Amino acid sequence: MTETISTSREAILLEDKYGAHNYHPLPVVLTKGEGVFLWDVEGKRYYDFLSAYSAVNQGHCHPRIINALIEQAKELTLTSRAFYNDKLGLAEKYVCETFGYQKALFMNSGAEANETAIKLARKWGYTKKGIPDNEAVIVAVKKNFHGRTTTIISASTDPSARKGFGPFMPGFEIVDYDNVAALEKALDNPNVCGLWIEPIQGEAGVYVPAEGYLRTAAQLCKKHNVLLMMDEIQTGIARTGKMLASDHEGVRPDLLILGKALSGGVLPISVVLADDEIMLVIKPGEHGSTFGGNPLAAAVCMEALQVVKDEKLAENSQRLGVIFRERMQALMKKTSLITLVRGKGLLNAIVINDSPESETAYNLCVEFSKNGLLAKPTHGNIIRLAPPLVINEEQLHECCDVIEKCILEFKKTS
């Protein structure tokens, strides 16, 4: 295969003709990434302010992670779980010791990890809590995002995720996010086996709950003998200023769900962590994945996490996140276009003073791209701003200057 892409238009037309129309990308065609930067096929350089939805926290093509990938790829990439391999046990030990759990179950995508957590919670509910067969309930929250499989969207409240894809799986109760009273009422049901939440709702627009909500949720789960299932696929691996967003409140979930930056964006890796009492309810043959726990992923995962530790990316995220929000809050005083700034660490959002049906936020992101910065709106009028955690303060201020220039000029011309 020798055919290549030489222009952005050519690539966009090819995707439009041969690809499914399940995304609405910005009209930018990327061909290279390094650190905080991306380049398009015409050679223009951009700051990345999406980080592949927080999958490249360690920066694009981190040399240590790429080297781990190359060296392992020369030796062995896949055995399936029909046999042992010499890397999986090392990776399981590494992640268990890093996050403080007894057992790890590796999968590939974030959605697979969430599906795994659902199965674990239900099986635990039947075998340990004594819930009658087929009556287990998992409590989820409004505006959640855990993936797009048919089971997961059964717990979604997003019409774009649900419309036209029913019938839906039973066994979920949906309550308001950041509402302790609603949570306590739902958990009082003896058939509830799990509470399934994100510590910060990323896809919904970076909704940060009130201080103490996660801690209270954990206490209520213990009170009602319910497993706390924490989806940290987007918020974990140093994104919010600590290794896990739940660390901000000292919360240790019963089921910790990780993905995205677990590989530094090099290949799909996800994992569910739990202690023996929960993890060992699943027996041989009851769950698995051909690629889950493959030696290539295991080697990459260990190096990707070690990079986060060695380069102190959580500390960098915490420090620069404060600076970023200060810059955005100062900008908010100069324009009525921004109504709210929120976030934690380097997971942030600005809310545009417009309806979710408006294209203002999308058009602003197009202007950002023209000025060398890539971001993407979510839910119409919210722009998520999440650079790779290897960004430095000088680069951050340069990006803030771009955002400020585009927003102030957009106000003048719109």
Protein backbone atom coordinates (compact mmCIF):
# COMPACT_ATOMS: atom_id res chain seq x y z
CA MET A 1 0.00 0.00 0.00
CA THR A 2 1.75 3.18 -1.21
CA GLU A 3 -1.14 5.65 -1.47
CA THR A 4 -0.60 8.75 0.67
CA ILE A 5 -2.51 11.87 1.68
CA SER A 6 -1.04 15.17 0.54
CA THR A 7 -3.77 17.71 1.42
CA SER A 8 -6.31 18.16 4.19
CA ARG A 9 -9.15 18.35 1.69
CA GLU A 10 -8.20 14.98 0.22
CA ALA A 11 -8.23 13.31 3.65
CA ILE A 12 -11.54 14.87 4.65
CA LEU A 13 -13.21 13.82 1.40
CA LEU A 14 -11.93 10.25 1.79
CA GLU A 15 -13.30 9.96 5.32
CA ASP A 16 -16.59 11.46 4.23
CA LYS A 17 -16.93 8.97 1.38
CA TYR A 18 -15.68 5.77 3.02
CA GLY A 19 -16.07 6.32 6.76
CA ALA A 20 -19.11 6.20 9.00
CA HIS A 21 -20.48 9.65 9.85
CA ASN A 22 -20.46 9.14 13.62
CA TYR A 23 -18.15 12.08 14.40
CA HIS A 24 -18.11 15.78 13.56
CA PRO A 25 -14.40 16.66 13.60
CA LEU A 26 -12.87 20.08 13.21
CA PRO A 27 -11.55 20.50 9.65
CA VAL A 28 -7.93 19.77 10.64
CA VAL A 29 -6.02 16.74 9.31
CA LEU A 30 -3.17 15.73 11.58
CA THR A 31 -0.09 13.77 10.62
CA LYS A 32 2.47 14.19 13.42
CA GLY A 33 2.57 14.72 17.18
CA GLU A 34 5.32 15.49 19.66
CA GLY A 35 4.85 16.56 23.26
CA VAL A 36 2.20 19.28 23.41
CA PHE A 37 2.24 19.85 19.66
CA LEU A 38 0.45 18.46 16.60
CA TRP A 39 1.13 19.15 12.92
CA ASP A 40 -1.31 18.96 9.99
CA VAL A 41 -0.52 17.55 6.56
CA GLU A 42 0.33 21.03 5.27
CA GLY A 43 2.93 21.42 8.03
CA LYS A 44 1.10 23.86 10.33
CA ARG A 45 1.84 23.38 14.04
CA TYR A 46 -0.83 23.45 16.75
CA TYR A 47 -1.00 23.28 20.51
CA ASP A 48 -3.13 20.29 21.50
CA PHE A 49 -5.76 21.33 24.04
CA LEU A 50 -7.82 18.15 23.95
CA SER A 51 -5.13 15.49 24.54
CA ALA A 52 -7.24 12.87 22.74
CA TYR A 53 -9.82 13.22 25.52
CA SER A 54 -7.01 12.92 28.13
CA ALA A 55 -5.41 9.82 26.60
CA VAL A 56 -2.09 11.59 25.90
CA ASN A 57 -1.44 13.09 29.32
CA GLN A 58 2.25 12.21 28.87
CA GLY A 59 2.38 14.13 25.57
CA HIS A 60 2.34 12.84 22.01
CA CYS A 61 4.79 10.06 21.14
CA HIS A 62 6.68 10.21 24.41
CA PRO A 63 10.09 8.70 23.55
CA ARG A 64 10.22 6.40 26.59
CA ILE A 65 6.75 5.01 25.93
CA ILE A 66 7.42 4.59 22.21
CA ASN A 67 10.69 2.82 22.99
CA ALA A 68 8.86 0.42 25.35
CA LEU A 69 6.37 -0.26 22.55
CA ILE A 70 9.09 -0.90 19.97
CA GLU A 71 11.24 -3.12 22.17
CA GLN A 72 8.30 -5.29 23.24
CA ALA A 73 6.87 -5.41 19.70
CA LYS A 74 10.14 -7.00 18.56
CA GLU A 75 9.68 -9.84 21.05
CA LEU A 76 5.99 -10.70 21.51
CA THR A 77 2.73 -8.81 20.99
CA LEU A 78 -0.13 -11.23 21.64
CA THR A 79 -0.66 -14.68 23.11
CA SER A 80 -4.32 -14.41 24.18
CA ARG A 81 -5.11 -15.41 27.75
CA ALA A 82 -5.08 -19.09 26.77
CA PHE A 83 -1.44 -18.96 27.90
CA TYR A 84 0.61 -16.98 30.39
CA ASN A 85 3.04 -14.33 29.18
CA ASP A 86 6.06 -12.87 30.93
CA LYS A 87 4.79 -9.27 31.07
CA LEU A 88 1.21 -9.40 32.34
CA GLY A 89 2.03 -10.43 35.90
CA LEU A 90 4.58 -7.61 36.14
CA ALA A 91 2.00 -5.08 34.90
CA GLU A 92 -0.67 -6.39 37.28
CA LYS A 93 1.75 -6.08 40.21
CA TYR A 94 2.77 -2.59 39.08
CA VAL A 95 -0.75 -1.17 38.81
CA CYS A 96 -1.92 -2.87 42.02
CA GLU A 97 0.98 -1.39 43.97
CA THR A 98 0.59 2.01 42.29
CA PHE A 99 -3.10 2.38 43.13
CA GLY A 100 -3.34 0.22 46.25
CA TYR A 101 -5.45 -2.79 45.23
CA GLN A 102 -5.07 -6.56 45.41
CA LYS A 103 -6.16 -7.51 41.92
CA ALA A 104 -6.19 -6.07 38.38
CA LEU A 105 -8.20 -7.12 35.33
CA PHE A 106 -6.85 -5.68 32.07
CA MET A 107 -9.06 -4.95 29.09
CA ASN A 108 -8.64 -2.65 26.07
CA SER A 109 -11.13 0.20 25.74
CA GLY A 110 -12.69 2.29 28.48
CA ALA A 111 -16.11 0.95 27.57
CA GLU A 112 -14.84 -2.61 28.06
CA ALA A 113 -13.51 -1.69 31.49
CA ASN A 114 -16.87 -0.22 32.48
CA GLU A 115 -18.65 -3.33 31.19
CA THR A 116 -16.25 -5.38 33.30
CA ALA A 117 -17.06 -3.31 36.38
CA ILE A 118 -20.79 -3.81 35.77
CA LYS A 119 -20.35 -7.59 35.62
CA LEU A 120 -18.17 -7.61 38.74
CA ALA A 121 -20.66 -5.49 40.70
CA ARG A 122 -23.62 -7.66 39.69
CA LYS A 123 -21.82 -10.95 40.39
CA TRP A 124 -20.68 -9.61 43.77
CA GLY A 125 -24.26 -8.54 44.51
CA TYR A 126 -25.58 -12.03 43.88
CA THR A 127 -22.78 -14.04 45.51
CA LYS A 128 -21.78 -11.78 48.41
CA LYS A 129 -24.69 -9.46 49.20
CA GLY A 130 -27.40 -12.04 48.56
CA ILE A 131 -29.42 -10.09 46.00
CA PRO A 132 -32.00 -12.37 44.29
CA ASP A 133 -31.01 -13.54 40.80
CA ASN A 134 -31.57 -10.99 38.02
CA GLU A 135 -32.72 -8.27 40.44
CA ALA A 136 -29.44 -6.39 40.96
CA VAL A 137 -29.57 -2.61 40.51
CA ILE A 138 -26.70 -0.26 39.72
CA VAL A 139 -27.24 3.40 40.59
CA ALA A 140 -25.85 5.84 38.02
CA VAL A 141 -26.14 9.61 37.73
CA LYS A 142 -27.55 12.06 35.23
CA LYS A 143 -25.23 13.46 32.54
CA ASN A 144 -22.80 10.57 32.99
CA PHE A 145 -20.55 9.30 30.22
CA HIS A 146 -19.08 5.81 30.52
CA GLY A 147 -18.97 4.72 26.87
CA ARG A 148 -21.30 3.82 24.02
CA THR A 149 -22.03 0.10 24.24
CA THR A 150 -25.69 -0.86 24.45
CA THR A 151 -25.44 -1.77 28.14
CA ILE A 152 -23.69 1.47 29.05
CA ILE A 153 -26.12 3.72 27.18
CA SER A 154 -28.92 2.04 29.12
CA ALA A 155 -27.68 4.14 32.05
CA SER A 156 -27.24 7.32 30.01
CA THR A 157 -29.45 10.42 30.03
CA ASP A 158 -27.95 11.85 26.82
CA PRO A 159 -30.51 11.70 23.98
CA SER A 160 -27.75 11.50 21.34
CA ALA A 161 -26.45 8.34 23.04
CA ARG A 162 -29.87 6.70 23.37
CA LYS A 163 -32.25 7.77 20.62
CA GLY A 164 -32.80 4.98 18.12
CA PHE A 165 -30.73 2.38 19.99
CA GLY A 166 -33.27 0.74 22.30
CA PRO A 167 -34.50 -1.49 23.81
CA PHE A 168 -32.32 -0.83 26.81
CA MET A 169 -30.97 -3.10 29.50
CA PRO A 170 -32.83 -3.01 32.82
CA GLY A 171 -31.12 -2.81 36.18
CA PHE A 172 -30.12 0.85 36.37
CA GLU A 173 -31.53 3.65 38.48
CA ILE A 174 -30.53 7.19 37.51
CA VAL A 175 -30.29 9.96 40.11
CA ASP A 176 -29.10 13.57 40.09
CA TYR A 177 -25.34 14.06 40.22
CA ASP A 178 -23.97 15.89 43.26
CA ASN A 179 -27.20 15.33 45.19
CA VAL A 180 -26.64 13.53 48.49
CA ALA A 181 -30.32 13.21 49.40
CA ALA A 182 -31.18 11.55 46.07
CA LEU A 183 -28.20 9.27 46.47
CA GLU A 184 -29.12 8.12 49.96
CA LYS A 185 -32.68 7.38 48.90
CA ALA A 186 -31.52 5.28 45.94
CA LEU A 187 -28.92 3.32 47.92
CA ASP A 188 -31.53 2.35 50.51
CA ASN A 189 -32.85 -0.23 48.04
CA PRO A 190 -31.43 -3.60 49.25
CA ASN A 191 -31.03 -4.78 45.65
CA VAL A 192 -28.48 -2.07 44.82
CA CYS A 193 -25.06 -3.60 44.23
CA GLY A 194 -23.13 -0.60 42.94
CA LEU A 195 -22.91 3.18 42.64
CA TRP A 196 -21.33 4.08 39.28
CA ILE A 197 -19.97 7.61 38.99
CA GLU A 198 -17.23 9.83 37.59
CA PRO A 199 -15.45 11.97 40.20
CA ILE A 200 -15.69 14.83 37.68
CA GLN A 201 -18.04 14.54 34.72
CA GLY A 202 -15.73 15.19 31.79
CA GLU A 203 -17.84 14.61 28.69
CA ALA A 204 -20.78 16.42 30.28
CA GLY A 205 -18.69 19.58 30.37
CA VAL A 206 -16.26 19.18 33.30
CA TYR A 207 -18.85 19.25 36.09
CA VAL A 208 -17.00 19.29 39.41
CA PRO A 209 -19.15 18.17 42.37
CA ALA A 210 -19.32 20.10 45.63
CA GLU A 211 -16.53 19.47 48.11
CA GLY A 212 -17.40 16.41 50.18
CA TYR A 213 -19.79 14.78 47.69
CA LEU A 214 -17.46 11.92 46.82
CA ARG A 215 -16.54 11.35 50.46
CA THR A 216 -20.21 11.24 51.44
CA ALA A 217 -20.99 8.92 48.53
CA ALA A 218 -18.28 6.53 49.74
CA GLN A 219 -19.67 6.63 53.28
CA LEU A 220 -23.20 5.93 52.05
CA CYS A 221 -21.96 3.00 50.00
CA LYS A 222 -20.36 1.47 53.08
CA LYS A 223 -23.50 2.12 55.12
CA HIS A 224 -25.71 0.32 52.59
CA ASN A 225 -23.20 -2.39 51.58
CA VAL A 226 -22.92 -1.08 48.02
CA LEU A 227 -19.79 -1.08 45.83
CA LEU A 228 -18.44 2.33 44.82
CA MET A 229 -17.57 2.06 41.11
CA MET A 230 -15.39 5.03 40.15
CA ASP A 231 -14.87 5.72 36.45
CA GLU A 232 -11.54 7.56 36.32
CA ILE A 233 -10.88 6.84 32.66
CA GLN A 234 -10.72 10.55 31.82
CA THR A 235 -9.96 12.03 35.25
CA GLY A 236 -7.25 9.58 36.32
CA ILE A 237 -3.51 9.37 35.66
CA ALA A 238 -2.63 12.86 36.98
CA ARG A 239 -5.14 14.82 34.87
CA THR A 240 -6.76 16.71 37.76
CA GLY A 241 -3.65 17.44 39.82
CA LYS A 242 -3.46 14.12 41.69
CA MET A 243 -2.92 10.59 40.41
CA LEU A 244 -6.68 10.07 40.75
CA ALA A 245 -9.41 12.70 41.01
CA SER A 246 -10.88 10.73 43.91
CA ASP A 247 -7.61 11.36 45.79
CA HIS A 248 -8.66 14.99 46.26
CA GLU A 249 -11.20 13.77 48.83
CA GLY A 250 -9.25 10.78 50.07
CA VAL A 251 -11.78 8.36 48.57
CA ARG A 252 -10.80 4.78 47.70
CA PRO A 253 -13.41 3.22 45.41
CA ASP A 254 -14.21 -0.47 45.62
CA LEU A 255 -13.89 -0.72 41.84
CA LEU A 256 -11.43 1.65 40.14
CA ILE A 257 -11.87 1.93 36.37
CA LEU A 258 -8.94 3.30 34.32
CA GLY A 259 -8.08 3.68 30.64
CA LYS A 260 -6.95 6.39 28.18
CA ALA A 261 -3.62 7.69 29.57
CA LEU A 262 -2.83 4.22 30.93
CA SER A 263 -0.92 3.83 27.66
CA GLY A 264 0.00 7.46 26.99
CA GLY A 265 -2.20 7.25 23.92
CA VAL A 266 -0.04 4.59 22.25
CA LEU A 267 -2.63 1.79 22.12
CA PRO A 268 -5.91 0.90 23.84
CA ILE A 269 -5.39 -0.27 27.42
CA SER A 270 -7.88 -0.27 30.28
CA VAL A 271 -8.02 -1.91 33.67
CA VAL A 272 -10.39 -2.52 36.57
CA LEU A 273 -8.82 -2.67 40.03
CA ALA A 274 -10.43 -4.23 43.10
CA ASP A 275 -9.62 -6.34 46.14
CA ASP A 276 -9.89 -10.13 46.25
CA GLU A 277 -13.38 -10.26 47.75
CA ILE A 278 -14.75 -8.49 44.68
CA MET A 279 -12.44 -9.55 41.85
CA LEU A 280 -12.47 -13.26 42.61
CA VAL A 281 -16.25 -13.58 42.23
CA ILE A 282 -15.58 -13.98 38.50
CA LYS A 283 -14.33 -17.48 37.68
CA PRO A 284 -12.44 -18.83 34.63
CA GLY A 285 -14.52 -18.62 31.48
CA GLU A 286 -16.94 -15.98 32.82
CA HIS A 287 -15.19 -12.92 31.40
CA GLY A 288 -12.28 -12.12 29.14
CA SER A 289 -10.80 -10.49 26.07
CA THR A 290 -8.45 -11.80 23.37
CA PHE A 291 -6.31 -8.67 23.52
CA GLY A 292 -6.83 -7.78 27.20
CA GLY A 293 -3.56 -8.06 29.11
CA ASN A 294 -1.44 -8.67 26.01
CA PRO A 295 2.33 -8.37 26.57
CA LEU A 296 2.65 -5.30 24.35
CA ALA A 297 0.01 -3.43 26.36
CA ALA A 298 1.55 -4.59 29.64
CA ALA A 299 4.98 -3.24 28.77
CA VAL A 300 3.58 0.05 27.52
CA CYS A 301 1.32 0.51 30.56
CA MET A 302 4.18 0.18 33.04
CA GLU A 303 6.34 2.69 31.21
CA ALA A 304 3.46 5.13 30.69
CA LEU A 305 2.70 5.19 34.41
CA GLN A 306 6.37 5.45 35.35
CA VAL A 307 6.70 8.51 33.10
CA VAL A 308 3.84 10.16 35.02
CA LYS A 309 5.66 9.52 38.30
CA ASP A 310 9.16 10.44 37.12
CA GLU A 311 8.10 13.67 35.42
CA LYS A 312 5.81 14.67 38.31
CA LEU A 313 2.91 15.28 35.95
CA ALA A 314 0.30 15.38 38.71
CA GLU A 315 2.18 18.20 40.42
CA ASN A 316 2.54 20.06 37.12
CA SER A 317 -1.16 19.65 36.42
CA GLN A 318 -2.10 20.95 39.86
CA ARG A 319 0.13 24.04 39.63
CA LEU A 320 -0.66 25.00 36.04
CA GLY A 321 -4.37 24.32 36.48
CA VAL A 322 -4.58 27.11 39.04
CA ILE A 323 -2.79 29.49 36.66
CA PHE A 324 -5.03 28.51 33.75
CA ARG A 325 -8.26 29.09 35.65
CA GLU A 326 -6.97 32.45 36.88
CA ARG A 327 -6.31 33.47 33.27
CA MET A 328 -9.75 32.29 32.13
CA GLN A 329 -11.51 33.99 35.05
CA ALA A 330 -9.70 37.23 34.20
CA LEU A 331 -10.82 36.83 30.59
CA MET A 332 -14.41 36.26 31.71
CA LYS A 333 -14.40 39.78 33.16
CA LYS A 334 -13.56 41.21 29.72
CA THR A 335 -16.36 39.53 27.77
CA SER A 336 -19.93 38.38 28.16
CA LEU A 337 -19.21 35.45 25.86
CA ILE A 338 -17.92 33.32 28.77
CA THR A 339 -20.33 32.76 31.63
CA LEU A 340 -18.47 30.15 33.68
CA VAL A 341 -15.01 28.66 34.15
CA ARG A 342 -14.67 25.36 35.99
CA GLY A 343 -12.27 22.49 36.42
CA LYS A 344 -9.55 20.86 38.46
CA GLY A 345 -5.90 20.47 37.54
CA LEU A 346 -5.60 20.61 33.76
CA LEU A 347 -9.14 19.36 33.10
CA ASN A 348 -11.10 22.56 32.55
CA ALA A 349 -14.00 24.03 30.63
CA ILE A 350 -15.39 27.40 29.67
CA VAL A 351 -19.13 27.73 29.23
CA ILE A 352 -20.16 29.93 26.32
CA ASN A 353 -23.10 32.29 26.79
CA ASP A 354 -25.24 30.54 24.21
CA SER A 355 -27.64 27.64 23.91
CA PRO A 356 -26.42 24.05 23.44
CA GLU A 357 -27.99 24.11 19.96
CA SER A 358 -25.84 27.08 18.90
CA GLU A 359 -22.65 26.66 16.86
CA THR A 360 -20.86 29.48 18.68
CA ALA A 361 -18.57 27.18 20.67
CA TYR A 362 -17.76 25.12 17.56
CA ASN A 363 -17.01 28.25 15.57
CA LEU A 364 -14.78 29.50 18.37
CA CYS A 365 -12.85 26.23 18.22
CA VAL A 366 -12.41 26.76 14.48
CA GLU A 367 -10.95 30.19 15.26
CA PHE A 368 -8.67 28.62 17.87
CA SER A 369 -7.40 26.21 15.22
CA LYS A 370 -6.69 29.03 12.78
CA ASN A 371 -4.52 30.54 15.49
CA GLY A 372 -2.67 27.32 16.27
CA LEU A 373 -4.66 25.73 19.12
CA LEU A 374 -6.89 22.66 18.96
CA ALA A 375 -9.91 22.21 21.23
CA LYS A 376 -13.39 20.78 20.78
CA PRO A 377 -16.81 21.69 22.18
CA THR A 378 -18.97 19.29 24.12
CA HIS A 379 -22.72 19.52 24.57
CA GLY A 380 -22.93 22.47 22.21
CA ASN A 381 -21.86 25.46 24.28
CA ILE A 382 -19.05 24.09 26.48
CA ILE A 383 -15.41 24.03 25.40
CA ARG A 384 -13.24 21.48 27.20
CA LEU A 385 -9.62 22.62 27.57
CA ALA A 386 -7.18 19.88 28.53
CA PRO A 387 -3.58 20.06 27.24
CA PRO A 388 -1.01 17.28 27.68
CA LEU A 389 0.38 17.41 31.21
CA VAL A 390 3.92 17.96 29.93
CA ILE A 391 3.03 21.55 29.02
CA ASN A 392 5.14 24.20 30.76
CA GLU A 393 4.08 27.57 32.16
CA GLU A 394 5.39 29.61 29.24
CA GLN A 395 3.51 27.44 26.76
CA LEU A 396 0.37 27.60 28.89
CA HIS A 397 0.41 31.41 28.88
CA GLU A 398 0.95 31.39 25.11
CA CYS A 399 -2.14 29.21 24.74
CA CYS A 400 -4.15 31.44 27.06
CA ASP A 401 -3.15 34.38 24.86
CA VAL A 402 -4.53 32.55 21.81
CA ILE A 403 -7.81 31.75 23.57
CA GLU A 404 -8.17 35.33 24.80
CA LYS A 405 -7.41 36.83 21.38
CA CYS A 406 -9.93 34.59 19.61
CA ILE A 407 -12.70 35.16 22.12
CA LEU A 408 -12.30 38.93 22.27
CA GLU A 409 -12.10 39.23 18.48
CA PHE A 410 -15.03 36.85 18.05
CA LYS A 411 -17.08 39.11 20.30
CA LYS A 412 -16.22 42.12 18.12
CA THR A 413 -17.09 40.47 14.82
CA SER A 414 -20.08 38.29 15.71
